[in-house]
């Protein structure tokens, strides 16, 4: 049974911070060869709460790292 896109996005927004952060770590490792511990602290919890997608958070963290 397929869920509607609205239900899927609602479910995604309610994923735990820990699950979301695992996706951020994966995106950073696969896309950039880095781990969040390799770069300066970022506002991951704020990004999660704002509904940012994990791949967007990974890209934002890398951008911040490159600008520092």
Protein backbone atom coordinates (compact mmCIF):
# COMPACT_ATOMS: atom_id res chain seq x y z
CA UNK A 1 0.00 0.00 0.00
CA UNK A 2 1.42 3.35 -1.03
CA UNK A 3 1.04 6.30 1.27
CA UNK A 4 0.20 9.70 -0.12
CA UNK A 5 3.12 12.14 -0.53
CA UNK A 6 1.70 14.25 2.30
CA UNK A 7 1.70 11.31 4.69
CA UNK A 8 5.22 10.36 3.64
CA UNK A 9 6.58 13.85 4.17
CA UNK A 10 4.80 14.11 7.54
CA UNK A 11 6.39 10.83 8.62
CA UNK A 12 9.79 12.02 7.47
CA UNK A 13 9.45 15.24 9.45
CA UNK A 14 8.75 13.30 12.62
CA UNK A 15 11.82 11.06 12.39
CA UNK A 16 13.97 11.25 15.46
CA UNK A 17 17.01 13.48 15.58
CA UNK A 18 19.20 10.39 15.95
CA UNK A 19 17.81 8.78 12.79
CA UNK A 20 18.05 12.07 10.92
CA UNK A 21 21.65 12.56 12.07
CA UNK A 22 22.60 9.08 10.86
CA UNK A 23 21.41 10.14 7.42
CA UNK A 24 23.46 13.35 7.66
CA UNK A 25 26.55 11.32 8.57
CA UNK A 26 25.97 8.99 5.62
CA UNK A 27 25.49 11.92 3.23
CA UNK A 28 28.68 13.58 4.46
CA UNK A 29 30.75 10.40 4.30
CA UNK A 30 29.52 9.34 0.86
CA UNK A 31 29.37 12.78 -0.71
CA UNK A 32 32.38 14.47 0.87
CA UNK A 33 34.51 11.85 2.63
CA UNK A 34 34.06 13.66 5.95
CA UNK A 35 32.32 12.99 9.25
CA UNK A 36 30.56 15.68 11.31
CA UNK A 37 33.29 15.33 13.93
CA UNK A 38 35.82 16.43 11.28
CA UNK A 39 34.32 19.91 10.96
CA UNK A 40 33.36 22.75 13.32
CA UNK A 41 30.16 22.47 15.33
CA UNK A 42 27.03 23.14 13.34
CA UNK A 43 23.41 23.72 14.33
CA UNK A 44 22.29 20.19 13.49
CA UNK A 45 19.46 20.12 16.04
CA UNK A 46 18.13 23.45 14.79
CA UNK A 47 18.30 22.22 11.20
CA UNK A 48 16.46 19.03 12.14
CA UNK A 49 13.76 20.98 13.97
CA UNK A 50 13.38 23.32 10.98
CA UNK A 51 12.70 20.34 8.70
CA UNK A 52 15.93 20.50 6.71
CA UNK A 53 16.62 17.33 4.75
CA UNK A 54 19.75 15.37 5.80
CA UNK A 55 21.51 15.89 2.46
CA UNK A 56 20.88 19.65 2.73
CA UNK A 57 22.30 19.64 6.26
CA UNK A 58 25.40 17.80 5.08
CA UNK A 59 25.92 20.32 2.29
CA UNK A 60 25.37 23.25 4.66
CA UNK A 61 27.88 21.83 7.15
CA UNK A 62 30.48 21.41 4.40
CA UNK A 63 29.82 24.96 3.18
CA UNK A 64 30.36 26.31 6.69
CA UNK A 65 33.55 24.28 7.01
CA UNK A 66 34.95 25.62 3.74
CA UNK A 67 34.14 29.21 4.69
CA UNK A 68 35.90 29.05 8.06
